[in-house]
């Protein structure tokens, strides 16, 4: 689409690359970034100190980022469970987050791996 605009082709504009669409896309990105920054600032003002559980979660956060695809792949086994999709989502999301952070924290306790993670 960008190449079409650069070449002067009007067909790229017919696909939805008009000014209001681009403005909304830009506004969406700005709102997403500023909303995230505002929420983080609000959390820091609301809870300036953290307890031992949050400290362990902070330690495990990078390991969780690295290992979460492996843990979530195991969660695919729950696709065949006969439950309502909403209930299944809540259960798997809660279990997946807990499993990812538990695995991440356990990996940070391993002597060789803890230096990398």
N, C-alpha and C. Protein backbone atom coordinates (compact mmCIF):
# COMPACT_ATOMS: atom_id res chain seq x y z
N UNK A 1 0.83 -1.18 0.00
CA UNK A 1 0.00 0.00 0.00
C UNK A 1 0.88 1.25 0.00
N UNK A 2 1.94 1.27 0.80
CA UNK A 2 2.82 2.43 0.85
C UNK A 2 3.54 2.58 -0.47
N UNK A 3 3.95 1.47 -1.07
CA UNK A 3 4.61 1.55 -2.37
C UNK A 3 3.66 2.09 -3.43
N UNK A 4 2.39 1.72 -3.33
CA UNK A 4 1.41 2.24 -4.27
C UNK A 4 1.24 3.74 -4.13
N UNK A 5 1.25 4.23 -2.90
CA UNK A 5 1.16 5.67 -2.68
C UNK A 5 2.41 6.38 -3.20
N UNK A 6 3.57 5.75 -3.01
CA UNK A 6 4.81 6.37 -3.47
C UNK A 6 4.86 6.44 -4.99
N UNK A 7 4.27 5.45 -5.65
CA UNK A 7 4.25 5.44 -7.12
C UNK A 7 3.13 6.30 -7.69
N UNK A 8 2.27 6.82 -6.83
CA UNK A 8 1.19 7.67 -7.29
C UNK A 8 -0.04 6.92 -7.74
N UNK A 9 -0.16 5.66 -7.35
CA UNK A 9 -1.32 4.87 -7.74
C UNK A 9 -2.50 5.20 -6.84
N UNK A 10 -3.64 5.44 -7.45
CA UNK A 10 -4.84 5.75 -6.68
C UNK A 10 -5.51 4.51 -6.12
N UNK A 11 -5.12 3.34 -6.59
CA UNK A 11 -5.74 2.11 -6.14
C UNK A 11 -5.43 1.86 -4.65
N UNK A 12 -4.27 2.31 -4.18
CA UNK A 12 -3.93 2.13 -2.77
C UNK A 12 -4.87 2.94 -1.89
N UNK A 13 -5.31 4.10 -2.36
CA UNK A 13 -6.24 4.91 -1.60
C UNK A 13 -7.62 4.26 -1.53
N UNK A 14 -7.98 3.52 -2.55
CA UNK A 14 -9.27 2.85 -2.56
C UNK A 14 -9.34 1.73 -1.53
N UNK A 15 -8.19 1.24 -1.07
CA UNK A 15 -8.16 0.14 -0.10
C UNK A 15 -8.29 0.64 1.33
N UNK A 16 -8.52 1.89 1.55
CA UNK A 16 -8.76 2.40 2.89
C UNK A 16 -7.63 3.21 3.48
N UNK A 17 -6.70 3.66 2.67
CA UNK A 17 -5.58 4.45 3.17
C UNK A 17 -5.87 5.93 3.03
N UNK A 18 -7.05 6.35 3.47
CA UNK A 18 -7.36 7.77 3.39
C UNK A 18 -6.97 8.45 4.70
N UNK A 19 -7.07 9.75 4.73
CA UNK A 19 -6.61 10.53 5.87
C UNK A 19 -7.34 10.19 7.17
N UNK A 20 -8.67 10.08 7.21
CA UNK A 20 -9.32 9.73 8.47
C UNK A 20 -8.90 8.36 9.01
N UNK A 21 -8.69 7.40 8.12
CA UNK A 21 -8.26 6.08 8.57
C UNK A 21 -6.87 6.14 9.19
N UNK A 22 -5.97 6.88 8.55
CA UNK A 22 -4.62 7.01 9.10
C UNK A 22 -4.63 7.79 10.41
N UNK A 23 -5.47 8.79 10.52
CA UNK A 23 -5.57 9.55 11.77
C UNK A 23 -6.07 8.68 12.91
N UNK A 24 -7.07 7.85 12.64
CA UNK A 24 -7.59 6.95 13.66
C UNK A 24 -6.52 5.94 14.06
N UNK A 25 -5.76 5.42 13.11
CA UNK A 25 -4.68 4.47 13.41
C UNK A 25 -3.62 5.13 14.28
N UNK A 26 -3.27 6.36 13.97
CA UNK A 26 -2.30 7.08 14.77
C UNK A 26 -2.84 7.35 16.17
N UNK A 27 -4.09 7.78 16.25
CA UNK A 27 -4.72 8.05 17.54
C UNK A 27 -4.81 6.78 18.39
N UNK A 28 -5.09 5.65 17.76
CA UNK A 28 -5.15 4.38 18.47
C UNK A 28 -3.79 4.04 19.10
N UNK A 29 -2.72 4.23 18.36
CA UNK A 29 -1.38 3.98 18.89
C UNK A 29 -1.03 4.91 20.03
N UNK A 30 -1.35 6.18 19.88
CA UNK A 30 -1.06 7.16 20.93
C UNK A 30 -1.84 6.84 22.21
N UNK A 31 -3.12 6.49 22.06
CA UNK A 31 -3.93 6.15 23.23
C UNK A 31 -3.40 4.89 23.90
N UNK A 32 -2.98 3.90 23.12
CA UNK A 32 -2.46 2.66 23.69
C UNK A 32 -1.19 2.91 24.50
N UNK A 33 -0.28 3.71 23.97
CA UNK A 33 0.98 3.97 24.67
C UNK A 33 0.75 4.85 25.89
N UNK A 34 0.00 5.93 25.73
CA UNK A 34 -0.22 6.82 26.87
C UNK A 34 -1.07 6.16 27.94
N UNK A 35 -2.02 5.32 27.53
CA UNK A 35 -2.83 4.60 28.52
C UNK A 35 -1.99 3.64 29.34
N UNK A 36 -1.06 2.96 28.70
CA UNK A 36 -0.16 2.05 29.41
C UNK A 36 0.73 2.82 30.37
N UNK A 37 1.30 3.93 29.92
CA UNK A 37 2.15 4.73 30.80
C UNK A 37 1.37 5.31 31.97
N UNK A 38 0.15 5.77 31.72
CA UNK A 38 -0.68 6.29 32.80
C UNK A 38 -0.98 5.20 33.82
N UNK A 39 -1.33 4.00 33.35
CA UNK A 39 -1.66 2.90 34.26
C UNK A 39 -0.45 2.51 35.10
N UNK A 40 0.73 2.45 34.52
CA UNK A 40 1.93 2.14 35.28
C UNK A 40 2.22 3.22 36.32
N UNK A 41 2.04 4.48 35.94
CA UNK A 41 2.25 5.58 36.89
C UNK A 41 1.24 5.50 38.03
N UNK A 42 0.00 5.19 37.73
CA UNK A 42 -1.04 5.05 38.75
C UNK A 42 -0.69 3.92 39.72
N UNK A 43 -0.23 2.80 39.18
CA UNK A 43 0.15 1.68 40.04
C UNK A 43 1.31 2.04 40.96
N UNK A 44 2.28 2.75 40.44
CA UNK A 44 3.44 3.14 41.26
C UNK A 44 3.04 4.14 42.36
N UNK A 45 2.11 5.03 42.06
CA UNK A 45 1.65 5.96 43.08
C UNK A 45 0.79 5.25 44.12
N UNK A 46 -0.02 4.31 43.68
CA UNK A 46 -0.93 3.61 44.58
C UNK A 46 -0.21 2.64 45.49
N UNK A 47 0.74 1.89 44.96
CA UNK A 47 1.50 0.92 45.74
C UNK A 47 2.99 1.17 45.52
N UNK A 48 3.59 2.10 46.27
CA UNK A 48 5.00 2.43 46.06
C UNK A 48 5.95 1.32 46.51
N UNK A 49 5.55 0.49 47.46
CA UNK A 49 6.41 -0.60 47.93
C UNK A 49 5.74 -1.92 47.56
N UNK A 50 6.51 -2.97 47.54
CA UNK A 50 5.95 -4.27 47.21
C UNK A 50 6.35 -5.29 48.26
N UNK A 51 5.57 -6.32 48.34
CA UNK A 51 5.80 -7.38 49.29
C UNK A 51 6.67 -8.49 48.71
N UNK A 52 6.83 -9.56 49.46
CA UNK A 52 7.70 -10.64 49.00
C UNK A 52 7.18 -11.36 47.75
N UNK A 53 5.86 -11.50 47.61
CA UNK A 53 5.32 -12.17 46.43
C UNK A 53 5.59 -11.37 45.16
N UNK A 54 5.41 -10.06 45.24
CA UNK A 54 5.68 -9.22 44.07
C UNK A 54 7.17 -9.17 43.76
N UNK A 55 8.00 -9.26 44.79
CA UNK A 55 9.45 -9.32 44.58
C UNK A 55 9.85 -10.58 43.83
N UNK A 56 9.23 -11.71 44.20
CA UNK A 56 9.52 -12.96 43.50
C UNK A 56 9.00 -12.92 42.07
N UNK A 57 7.84 -12.31 41.87
CA UNK A 57 7.29 -12.18 40.52
C UNK A 57 8.17 -11.28 39.66
N UNK A 58 8.72 -10.23 40.26
CA UNK A 58 9.61 -9.35 39.51
C UNK A 58 10.88 -10.09 39.11
N UNK A 59 11.39 -10.92 40.02
CA UNK A 59 12.59 -11.69 39.70
C UNK A 59 12.31 -12.68 38.57
N UNK A 60 11.11 -13.23 38.53
CA UNK A 60 10.76 -14.24 37.55
C UNK A 60 10.25 -13.66 36.25
N UNK A 61 10.08 -12.36 36.14
CA UNK A 61 9.39 -11.77 34.99
C UNK A 61 10.11 -12.01 33.67
N UNK A 62 11.43 -11.85 33.62
CA UNK A 62 12.13 -12.08 32.35
C UNK A 62 12.13 -13.56 32.00
N UNK A 63 12.34 -14.41 32.99
CA UNK A 63 12.29 -15.86 32.73
C UNK A 63 10.90 -16.25 32.25
N UNK A 64 9.87 -15.62 32.79
CA UNK A 64 8.50 -15.88 32.35
C UNK A 64 8.33 -15.46 30.90
N UNK A 65 8.88 -14.33 30.54
CA UNK A 65 8.81 -13.86 29.16
C UNK A 65 9.47 -14.84 28.20
N UNK A 66 10.60 -15.39 28.61
CA UNK A 66 11.35 -16.30 27.75
C UNK A 66 10.66 -17.67 27.65
N UNK A 67 10.11 -18.16 28.75
CA UNK A 67 9.59 -19.52 28.79
C UNK A 67 8.09 -19.64 28.57
N UNK A 68 7.35 -18.56 28.49
CA UNK A 68 5.90 -18.67 28.42
C UNK A 68 5.38 -19.42 27.19
N UNK A 69 6.04 -19.39 26.03
CA UNK A 69 5.51 -20.20 24.92
C UNK A 69 5.51 -21.70 25.24
N UNK A 70 6.52 -22.16 25.95
CA UNK A 70 6.57 -23.58 26.30
C UNK A 70 5.46 -23.96 27.27
N UNK A 71 5.24 -23.13 28.27
CA UNK A 71 4.21 -23.43 29.26
C UNK A 71 2.83 -23.33 28.62
N UNK A 72 2.61 -22.35 27.78
CA UNK A 72 1.30 -22.19 27.14
C UNK A 72 1.03 -23.27 26.11
N UNK A 73 2.07 -23.85 25.54
CA UNK A 73 1.88 -24.96 24.63
C UNK A 73 1.29 -26.15 25.37
N UNK A 74 1.70 -26.35 26.60
CA UNK A 74 1.14 -27.42 27.42
C UNK A 74 -0.34 -27.15 27.68
N UNK A 75 -0.72 -25.91 27.79
CA UNK A 75 -2.11 -25.56 28.06
C UNK A 75 -3.04 -25.90 26.89
N UNK A 76 -2.49 -26.14 25.71
CA UNK A 76 -3.30 -26.50 24.55
C UNK A 76 -4.02 -27.83 24.81
N UNK A 77 -3.47 -28.64 25.69
CA UNK A 77 -4.10 -29.92 26.01
C UNK A 77 -5.50 -29.72 26.59
N UNK A 78 -5.77 -28.56 27.14
CA UNK A 78 -7.08 -28.28 27.72
C UNK A 78 -8.14 -27.93 26.66
N UNK A 79 -7.77 -27.93 25.40
CA UNK A 79 -8.73 -27.58 24.35
C UNK A 79 -9.83 -28.62 24.23
N UNK A 80 -9.55 -29.85 24.60
CA UNK A 80 -10.57 -30.89 24.46
C UNK A 80 -11.48 -31.02 25.68
N UNK A 81 -11.26 -30.23 26.71
CA UNK A 81 -12.10 -30.27 27.91
C UNK A 81 -13.47 -29.68 27.56
N UNK A 82 -14.52 -30.38 27.98
CA UNK A 82 -15.88 -29.96 27.65
C UNK A 82 -16.40 -28.98 28.70
N UNK A 83 -16.09 -27.72 28.53
CA UNK A 83 -16.59 -26.64 29.38
C UNK A 83 -17.03 -25.49 28.48
N UNK A 84 -17.75 -24.56 29.07
CA UNK A 84 -18.11 -23.35 28.33
C UNK A 84 -16.82 -22.58 27.99
N UNK A 85 -16.74 -21.98 26.83
CA UNK A 85 -15.51 -21.28 26.44
C UNK A 85 -15.10 -20.19 27.43
N UNK A 86 -16.06 -19.49 28.03
CA UNK A 86 -15.73 -18.43 28.97
C UNK A 86 -15.07 -18.99 30.22
N UNK A 87 -15.63 -20.08 30.73
CA UNK A 87 -15.07 -20.70 31.94
C UNK A 87 -13.69 -21.28 31.63
N UNK A 88 -13.57 -21.91 30.47
CA UNK A 88 -12.29 -22.49 30.08
C UNK A 88 -11.23 -21.40 29.94
N UNK A 89 -11.61 -20.26 29.37
CA UNK A 89 -10.66 -19.15 29.23
C UNK A 89 -10.17 -18.66 30.59
N UNK A 90 -11.09 -18.45 31.51
CA UNK A 90 -10.71 -17.96 32.84
C UNK A 90 -9.80 -18.96 33.55
N UNK A 91 -10.16 -20.22 33.51
CA UNK A 91 -9.36 -21.24 34.18
C UNK A 91 -7.97 -21.38 33.55
N UNK A 92 -7.93 -21.43 32.24
CA UNK A 92 -6.64 -21.60 31.56
C UNK A 92 -5.78 -20.35 31.68
N UNK A 93 -6.39 -19.17 31.64
CA UNK A 93 -5.61 -17.94 31.80
C UNK A 93 -5.01 -17.86 33.19
N UNK A 94 -5.80 -18.15 34.21
CA UNK A 94 -5.28 -18.11 35.58
C UNK A 94 -4.20 -19.17 35.78
N UNK A 95 -4.45 -20.39 35.31
CA UNK A 95 -3.46 -21.45 35.45
C UNK A 95 -2.22 -21.16 34.62
N UNK A 96 -2.39 -20.61 33.44
CA UNK A 96 -1.25 -20.30 32.57
C UNK A 96 -0.35 -19.23 33.16
N UNK A 97 -0.94 -18.18 33.70
CA UNK A 97 -0.13 -17.13 34.31
C UNK A 97 0.60 -17.65 35.53
N UNK A 98 -0.10 -18.40 36.38
CA UNK A 98 0.55 -18.97 37.56
C UNK A 98 1.65 -19.94 37.17
N UNK A 99 1.39 -20.77 36.16
CA UNK A 99 2.41 -21.74 35.72
C UNK A 99 3.62 -21.04 35.11
N UNK A 100 3.40 -20.00 34.34
CA UNK A 100 4.52 -19.28 33.72
C UNK A 100 5.40 -18.63 34.77
N UNK A 101 4.80 -17.96 35.74
CA UNK A 101 5.60 -17.30 36.77
C UNK A 101 6.25 -18.31 37.70
N UNK A 102 5.58 -19.43 37.98
CA UNK A 102 6.19 -20.46 38.82
C UNK A 102 7.39 -21.08 38.11
N UNK A 103 7.23 -21.40 36.84
CA UNK A 103 8.36 -21.96 36.07
C UNK A 103 9.48 -20.94 35.94
N UNK A 104 9.14 -19.68 35.72
CA UNK A 104 10.16 -18.64 35.62
C UNK A 104 10.92 -18.46 36.91
N UNK A 105 10.22 -18.46 38.04
CA UNK A 105 10.91 -18.31 39.32
C UNK A 105 11.76 -19.53 39.62
N UNK A 106 11.27 -20.72 39.29
CA UNK A 106 12.05 -21.94 39.52
C UNK A 106 13.33 -21.91 38.68
N UNK A 107 13.25 -21.40 37.45
CA UNK A 107 14.45 -21.31 36.62
C UNK A 107 15.45 -20.29 37.15
N UNK A 108 14.98 -19.23 37.79
CA UNK A 108 15.92 -18.26 38.34
C UNK A 108 16.65 -18.79 39.57
N UNK A 109 16.19 -19.88 40.13
CA UNK A 109 16.83 -20.50 41.28
C UNK A 109 17.90 -21.52 40.88
N UNK A 110 17.93 -21.92 39.60
CA UNK A 110 18.93 -22.87 39.12
C UNK A 110 20.25 -22.12 38.95
N UNK A 111 21.37 -22.65 39.56
CA UNK A 111 22.62 -21.88 39.56
C UNK A 111 23.14 -21.46 38.20
N UNK A 112 23.19 -22.30 37.20
CA UNK A 112 23.74 -21.92 35.91
C UNK A 112 22.82 -21.01 35.11
N UNK A 113 21.55 -21.26 35.20
CA UNK A 113 20.57 -20.51 34.41
C UNK A 113 20.28 -19.15 35.03
N UNK A 114 20.41 -19.04 36.34
CA UNK A 114 20.06 -17.79 37.01
C UNK A 114 20.92 -16.61 36.56
N UNK A 115 22.14 -16.88 36.08
CA UNK A 115 22.99 -15.79 35.59
C UNK A 115 22.50 -15.25 34.26
N UNK A 116 21.86 -16.13 33.47
CA UNK A 116 21.36 -15.72 32.16
C UNK A 116 20.00 -15.04 32.32
N UNK A 117 19.15 -15.61 33.17
CA UNK A 117 17.82 -15.06 33.33
C UNK A 117 17.82 -14.05 34.44
